[in-house]
Amino acid sequence: MWLDPVVEEVRKRRQELMAEYDYDPKKILQAIRKEEEKYANRLVYSTQKPKKAYKRKPTISKNITIN
């Protein structure tokens, strides 16, 4: 099985970060929020709601013949 080096690097870093915060999701989120505050001038927030997907009605082709 082929291993992608980028994926392996991301997984390794994830494990390092989780260990740094004792595998505690609350501590990890606190650290993320601190970073968000630190770089608040660089963050972009969307004010628009995502558009709903357009549902197309099924169509029947008139060119089909059944024998």
PDB file of N, CA and C in Angstrom:
ATOM      1  N   MET A   1       0.839  -1.182   0.000  1.00  0.00           N
ATOM      2  CA  MET A   1       0.000   0.000   0.000  1.00  0.00           C
ATOM      3  C   MET A   1       0.888   1.250   0.000  1.00  0.00           C
ATOM      4  N   TRP A   2       0.552   2.195  -0.858  1.00  0.00           N
ATOM      5  CA  TRP A   2       1.337   3.420  -0.989  1.00  0.00           C
ATOM      6  C   TRP A   2       0.949   4.393   0.108  1.00  0.00           C
ATOM      7  N   LEU A   3       1.938   4.994   0.765  1.00  0.00           N
ATOM      8  CA  LEU A   3       1.698   5.971   1.812  1.00  0.00           C
ATOM      9  C   LEU A   3       2.076   7.357   1.309  1.00  0.00           C
ATOM     10  N   ASP A   4       1.168   8.282   1.442  1.00  0.00           N
ATOM     11  CA  ASP A   4       1.403   9.660   1.022  1.00  0.00           C
ATOM     12  C   ASP A   4       2.199  10.372   2.108  1.00  0.00           C
ATOM     13  N   PRO A   5       3.366  10.921   1.792  1.00  0.00           N
ATOM     14  CA  PRO A   5       4.186  11.569   2.812  1.00  0.00           C
ATOM     15  C   PRO A   5       3.506  12.784   3.446  1.00  0.00           C
ATOM     16  N   VAL A   6       2.699  13.494   2.689  1.00  0.00           N
ATOM     17  CA  VAL A   6       2.007  14.665   3.237  1.00  0.00           C
ATOM     18  C   VAL A   6       0.978  14.222   4.278  1.00  0.00           C
ATOM     19  N   VAL A   7       0.238  13.183   3.952  1.00  0.00           N
ATOM     20  CA  VAL A   7      -0.760  12.657   4.889  1.00  0.00           C
ATOM     21  C   VAL A   7      -0.073  12.158   6.153  1.00  0.00           C
ATOM     22  N   GLU A   8       1.036  11.475   5.986  1.00  0.00           N
ATOM     23  CA  GLU A   8       1.781  10.971   7.142  1.00  0.00           C
ATOM     24  C   GLU A   8       2.277  12.115   8.019  1.00  0.00           C
ATOM     25  N   GLU A   9       2.735  13.194   7.398  1.00  0.00           N
ATOM     26  CA  GLU A   9       3.205  14.350   8.151  1.00  0.00           C
ATOM     27  C   GLU A   9       2.062  14.998   8.937  1.00  0.00           C
ATOM     28  N   VAL A  10       0.893  15.109   8.309  1.00  0.00           N
ATOM     29  CA  VAL A  10      -0.269  15.691   8.982  1.00  0.00           C
ATOM     30  C   VAL A  10      -0.686  14.824  10.165  1.00  0.00           C
ATOM     31  N   ARG A  11      -0.705  13.521   9.967  1.00  0.00           N
ATOM     32  CA  ARG A  11      -1.079  12.610  11.052  1.00  0.00           C
ATOM     33  C   ARG A  11      -0.089  12.685  12.217  1.00  0.00           C
ATOM     34  N   LYS A  12       1.187  12.775  11.881  1.00  0.00           N
ATOM     35  CA  LYS A  12       2.218  12.877  12.920  1.00  0.00           C
ATOM     36  C   LYS A  12       2.036  14.163  13.724  1.00  0.00           C
ATOM     37  N   ARG A  13       1.814  15.270  13.016  1.00  0.00           N
ATOM     38  CA  ARG A  13       1.630  16.560  13.698  1.00  0.00           C
ATOM     39  C   ARG A  13       0.374  16.554  14.552  1.00  0.00           C
ATOM     40  N   ARG A  14      -0.677  15.923  14.061  1.00  0.00           N
ATOM     41  CA  ARG A  14      -1.916  15.816  14.838  1.00  0.00           C
ATOM     42  C   ARG A  14      -1.658  15.085  16.149  1.00  0.00           C
ATOM     43  N   GLN A  15      -0.927  13.995  16.086  1.00  0.00           N
ATOM     44  CA  GLN A  15      -0.613  13.233  17.293  1.00  0.00           C
ATOM     45  C   GLN A  15       0.220  14.070  18.261  1.00  0.00           C
ATOM     46  N   GLU A  16       1.175  14.833  17.732  1.00  0.00           N
ATOM     47  CA  GLU A  16       2.005  15.690  18.584  1.00  0.00           C
ATOM     48  C   GLU A  16       1.145  16.741  19.293  1.00  0.00           C
ATOM     49  N   LEU A  17       0.243  17.361  18.543  1.00  0.00           N
ATOM     50  CA  LEU A  17      -0.624  18.380  19.141  1.00  0.00           C
ATOM     51  C   LEU A  17      -1.560  17.784  20.192  1.00  0.00           C
ATOM     52  N   MET A  18      -2.102  16.623  19.891  1.00  0.00           N
ATOM     53  CA  MET A  18      -3.004  15.981  20.849  1.00  0.00           C
ATOM     54  C   MET A  18      -2.257  15.634  22.127  1.00  0.00           C
ATOM     55  N   ALA A  19      -1.048  15.140  22.000  1.00  0.00           N
ATOM     56  CA  ALA A  19      -0.242  14.806  23.178  1.00  0.00           C
ATOM     57  C   ALA A  19       0.102  16.062  23.962  1.00  0.00           C
ATOM     58  N   GLU A  20       0.356  17.164  23.242  1.00  0.00           N
ATOM     59  CA  GLU A  20       0.691  18.430  23.895  1.00  0.00           C
ATOM     60  C   GLU A  20      -0.445  18.923  24.795  1.00  0.00           C
ATOM     61  N   TYR A  21      -1.667  18.635  24.398  1.00  0.00           N
ATOM     62  CA  TYR A  21      -2.840  19.066  25.173  1.00  0.00           C
ATOM     63  C   TYR A  21      -3.499  17.902  25.922  1.00  0.00           C
ATOM     64  N   ASP A  22      -2.744  16.872  26.181  1.00  0.00           N
ATOM     65  CA  ASP A  22      -3.188  15.708  26.974  1.00  0.00           C
ATOM     66  C   ASP A  22      -4.445  15.046  26.414  1.00  0.00           C
ATOM     67  N   TYR A  23      -4.591  15.077  25.111  1.00  0.00           N
ATOM     68  CA  TYR A  23      -5.728  14.441  24.428  1.00  0.00           C
ATOM     69  C   TYR A  23      -7.064  14.963  24.943  1.00  0.00           C
ATOM     70  N   ASP A  24      -7.076  16.201  25.425  1.00  0.00           N
ATOM     71  CA  ASP A  24      -8.280  16.826  25.985  1.00  0.00           C
ATOM     72  C   ASP A  24      -8.872  17.802  24.969  1.00  0.00           C
ATOM     73  N   PRO A  25     -10.048  17.492  24.416  1.00  0.00           N
ATOM     74  CA  PRO A  25     -10.654  18.369  23.408  1.00  0.00           C
ATOM     75  C   PRO A  25     -10.882  19.794  23.899  1.00  0.00           C
ATOM     76  N   LYS A  26     -11.202  19.960  25.166  1.00  0.00           N
ATOM     77  CA  LYS A  26     -11.435  21.307  25.696  1.00  0.00           C
ATOM     78  C   LYS A  26     -10.164  22.140  25.654  1.00  0.00           C
ATOM     79  N   LYS A  27      -9.035  21.527  26.007  1.00  0.00           N
ATOM     80  CA  LYS A  27      -7.756  22.238  25.966  1.00  0.00           C
ATOM     81  C   LYS A  27      -7.373  22.594  24.528  1.00  0.00           C
ATOM     82  N   ILE A  28      -7.639  21.679  23.620  1.00  0.00           N
ATOM     83  CA  ILE A  28      -7.329  21.924  22.214  1.00  0.00           C
ATOM     84  C   ILE A  28      -8.163  23.087  21.686  1.00  0.00           C
ATOM     85  N   LEU A  29      -9.454  23.111  22.006  1.00  0.00           N
ATOM     86  CA  LEU A  29     -10.320  24.206  21.560  1.00  0.00           C
ATOM     87  C   LEU A  29      -9.912  25.535  22.178  1.00  0.00           C
ATOM     88  N   GLN A  30      -9.490  25.520  23.428  1.00  0.00           N
ATOM     89  CA  GLN A  30      -9.003  26.751  24.061  1.00  0.00           C
ATOM     90  C   GLN A  30      -7.790  27.292  23.310  1.00  0.00           C
ATOM     91  N   ALA A  31      -6.885  26.414  22.947  1.00  0.00           N
ATOM     92  CA  ALA A  31      -5.684  26.826  22.215  1.00  0.00           C
ATOM     93  C   ALA A  31      -6.061  27.392  20.845  1.00  0.00           C
ATOM     94  N   ILE A  32      -7.023  26.775  20.194  1.00  0.00           N
ATOM     95  CA  ILE A  32      -7.470  27.268  18.886  1.00  0.00           C
ATOM     96  C   ILE A  32      -8.087  28.650  19.029  1.00  0.00           C
ATOM     97  N   ARG A  33      -8.901  28.834  20.049  1.00  0.00           N
ATOM     98  CA  ARG A  33      -9.536  30.140  20.261  1.00  0.00           C
ATOM     99  C   ARG A  33      -8.503  31.225  20.567  1.00  0.00           C
ATOM    100  N   LYS A  34      -7.456  30.865  21.316  1.00  0.00           N
ATOM    101  CA  LYS A  34      -6.384  31.831  21.584  1.00  0.00           C
ATOM    102  C   LYS A  34      -5.707  32.254  20.289  1.00  0.00           C
ATOM    103  N   GLU A  35      -5.460  31.280  19.423  1.00  0.00           N
ATOM    104  CA  GLU A  35      -4.838  31.588  18.136  1.00  0.00           C
ATOM    105  C   GLU A  35      -5.758  32.460  17.289  1.00  0.00           C
ATOM    106  N   GLU A  36      -7.064  32.190  17.337  1.00  0.00           N
ATOM    107  CA  GLU A  36      -8.022  33.015  16.596  1.00  0.00           C
ATOM    108  C   GLU A  36      -7.978  34.459  17.081  1.00  0.00           C
ATOM    109  N   GLU A  37      -7.891  34.652  18.392  1.00  0.00           N
ATOM    110  CA  GLU A  37      -7.807  36.009  18.943  1.00  0.00           C
ATOM    111  C   GLU A  37      -6.500  36.678  18.519  1.00  0.00           C
ATOM    112  N   LYS A  38      -5.445  35.918  18.528  1.00  0.00           N
ATOM    113  CA  LYS A  38      -4.124  36.427  18.189  1.00  0.00           C
ATOM    114  C   LYS A  38      -4.075  36.923  16.735  1.00  0.00           C
ATOM    115  N   TYR A  39      -4.774  36.205  15.853  1.00  0.00           N
ATOM    116  CA  TYR A  39      -4.754  36.539  14.431  1.00  0.00           C
ATOM    117  C   TYR A  39      -6.137  36.969  13.930  1.00  0.00           C
ATOM    118  N   ALA A  40      -6.903  37.628  14.770  1.00  0.00           N
ATOM    119  CA  ALA A  40      -8.274  38.024  14.418  1.00  0.00           C
ATOM    120  C   ALA A  40      -8.307  38.912  13.184  1.00  0.00           C
ATOM    121  N   ASN A  41      -7.283  39.727  12.989  1.00  0.00           N
ATOM    122  CA  ASN A  41      -7.273  40.613  11.823  1.00  0.00           C
ATOM    123  C   ASN A  41      -7.061  39.867  10.515  1.00  0.00           C
ATOM    124  N   ARG A  42      -6.683  38.604  10.583  1.00  0.00           N
ATOM    125  CA  ARG A  42      -6.445  37.806   9.374  1.00  0.00           C
ATOM    126  C   ARG A  42      -7.616  36.876   9.040  1.00  0.00           C
ATOM    127  N   LEU A  43      -8.560  36.756   9.954  1.00  0.00           N
ATOM    128  CA  LEU A  43      -9.672  35.829   9.732  1.00  0.00           C
ATOM    129  C   LEU A  43     -10.771  36.500   8.927  1.00  0.00           C
ATOM    130  N   VAL A  44     -11.428  35.713   8.102  1.00  0.00           N
ATOM    131  CA  VAL A  44     -12.529  36.206   7.288  1.00  0.00           C
ATOM    132  C   VAL A  44     -13.762  35.391   7.632  1.00  0.00           C
ATOM    133  N   TYR A  45     -14.844  36.087   7.926  1.00  0.00           N
ATOM    134  CA  TYR A  45     -16.093  35.421   8.254  1.00  0.00           C
ATOM    135  C   TYR A  45     -17.108  35.704   7.165  1.00  0.00           C
ATOM    136  N   SER A  46     -17.809  34.711   6.765  1.00  0.00           N
ATOM    137  CA  SER A  46     -18.829  34.876   5.735  1.00  0.00           C
ATOM    138  C   SER A  46     -20.111  35.406   6.358  1.00  0.00           C
ATOM    139  N   THR A  47     -20.698  36.389   5.717  1.00  0.00           N
ATOM    140  CA  THR A  47     -21.964  36.933   6.204  1.00  0.00           C
ATOM    141  C   THR A  47     -23.130  36.371   5.402  1.00  0.00           C
ATOM    142  N   GLN A  48     -22.819  35.646   4.342  1.00  0.00           N
ATOM    143  CA  GLN A  48     -23.862  35.069   3.510  1.00  0.00           C
ATOM    144  C   GLN A  48     -24.147  33.645   3.925  1.00  0.00           C
ATOM    145  N   LYS A  49     -25.419  33.305   3.870  1.00  0.00           N
ATOM    146  CA  LYS A  49     -25.788  31.917   4.131  1.00  0.00           C
ATOM    147  C   LYS A  49     -25.533  31.111   2.860  1.00  0.00           C
ATOM    148  N   PRO A  50     -25.150  29.864   3.013  1.00  0.00           N
ATOM    149  CA  PRO A  50     -24.945  29.044   1.816  1.00  0.00           C
ATOM    150  C   PRO A  50     -26.255  28.878   1.050  1.00  0.00           C
ATOM    151  N   LYS A  51     -26.162  28.884  -0.259  1.00  0.00           N
ATOM    152  CA  LYS A  51     -27.355  28.716  -1.087  1.00  0.00           C
ATOM    153  C   LYS A  51     -27.808  27.271  -1.028  1.00  0.00           C
ATOM    154  N   LYS A  52     -29.123  27.104  -1.080  1.00  0.00           N
ATOM    155  CA  LYS A  52     -29.669  25.749  -1.101  1.00  0.00           C
ATOM    156  C   LYS A  52     -29.437  25.146  -2.474  1.00  0.00           C
ATOM    157  N   ALA A  53     -29.219  23.869  -2.476  1.00  0.00           N
ATOM    158  CA  ALA A  53     -29.003  23.180  -3.736  1.00  0.00           C
ATOM    159  C   ALA A  53     -30.301  23.177  -4.539  1.00  0.00           C
ATOM    160  N   TYR A  54     -30.168  23.388  -5.826  1.00  0.00           N
ATOM    161  CA  TYR A  54     -31.324  23.397  -6.708  1.00  0.00           C
ATOM    162  C   TYR A  54     -31.676  21.970  -7.044  1.00  0.00           C
ATOM    163  N   LYS A  55     -32.921  21.601  -6.781  1.00  0.00           N
ATOM    164  CA  LYS A  55     -33.357  20.246  -7.114  1.00  0.00           C
ATOM    165  C   LYS A  55     -34.044  20.281  -8.471  1.00  0.00           C
ATOM    166  N   ARG A  56     -33.509  19.502  -9.371  1.00  0.00           N
ATOM    167  CA  ARG A  56     -34.058  19.439 -10.709  1.00  0.00           C
ATOM    168  C   ARG A  56     -35.108  18.344 -10.771  1.00  0.00           C
ATOM    169  N   LYS A  57     -36.196  18.644 -11.429  1.00  0.00           N
ATOM    170  CA  LYS A  57     -37.230  17.625 -11.589  1.00  0.00           C
ATOM    171  C   LYS A  57     -36.773  16.641 -12.655  1.00  0.00           C
ATOM    172  N   PRO A  58     -37.056  15.360 -12.460  1.00  0.00           N
ATOM    173  CA  PRO A  58     -36.667  14.376 -13.476  1.00  0.00           C
ATOM    174  C   PRO A  58     -37.421  14.644 -14.780  1.00  0.00           C
ATOM    175  N   THR A  59     -36.720  14.497 -15.867  1.00  0.00           N
ATOM    176  CA  THR A  59     -37.350  14.704 -17.167  1.00  0.00           C
ATOM    177  C   THR A  59     -37.352  13.396 -17.940  1.00  0.00           C
ATOM    178  N   ILE A  60     -38.330  13.264 -18.785  1.00  0.00           N
ATOM    179  CA  ILE A  60     -38.435  12.071 -19.630  1.00  0.00           C
ATOM    180  C   ILE A  60     -38.163  12.515 -21.062  1.00  0.00           C
ATOM    181  N   SER A  61     -37.213  11.857 -21.670  1.00  0.00           N
ATOM    182  CA  SER A  61     -36.869  12.192 -23.056  1.00  0.00           C
ATOM    183  C   SER A  61     -37.954  11.698 -23.972  1.00  0.00           C
ATOM    184  N   LYS A  62     -38.341  12.519 -24.952  1.00  0.00           N
ATOM    185  CA  LYS A  62     -39.375  12.134 -25.910  1.00  0.00           C
ATOM    186  C   LYS A  62     -38.784  11.353 -27.080  1.00  0.00           C
ATOM    187  N   ASN A  63     -37.483  11.264 -27.148  1.00  0.00           N
ATOM    188  CA  ASN A  63     -36.810  10.592 -28.261  1.00  0.00           C
ATOM    189  C   ASN A  63     -36.615   9.105 -28.021  1.00  0.00           C
ATOM    190  N   ILE A  64     -37.005   8.586 -26.895  1.00  0.00           N
ATOM    191  CA  ILE A  64     -36.800   7.177 -26.570  1.00  0.00           C
ATOM    192  C   ILE A  64     -37.994   6.378 -27.082  1.00  0.00           C
ATOM    193  N   THR A  65     -37.708   5.305 -27.778  1.00  0.00           N
ATOM    194  CA  THR A  65     -38.789   4.423 -28.251  1.00  0.00           C
ATOM    195  C   THR A  65     -38.587   3.054 -27.625  1.00  0.00           C
ATOM    196  N   ILE A  66     -39.667   2.452 -27.238  1.00  0.00           N
ATOM    197  CA  ILE A  66     -39.622   1.108 -26.648  1.00  0.00           C
ATOM    198  C   ILE A  66     -40.261   0.150 -27.625  1.00  0.00           C
ATOM    199  N   ASN A  67     -39.561  -0.901 -27.991  1.00  0.00           N
ATOM    200  CA  ASN A  67     -40.103  -1.896 -28.939  1.00  0.00           C
ATOM    201  C   ASN A  67     -40.648  -3.088 -28.208  1.00  0.00           C
TER     202      ASN A  67
END
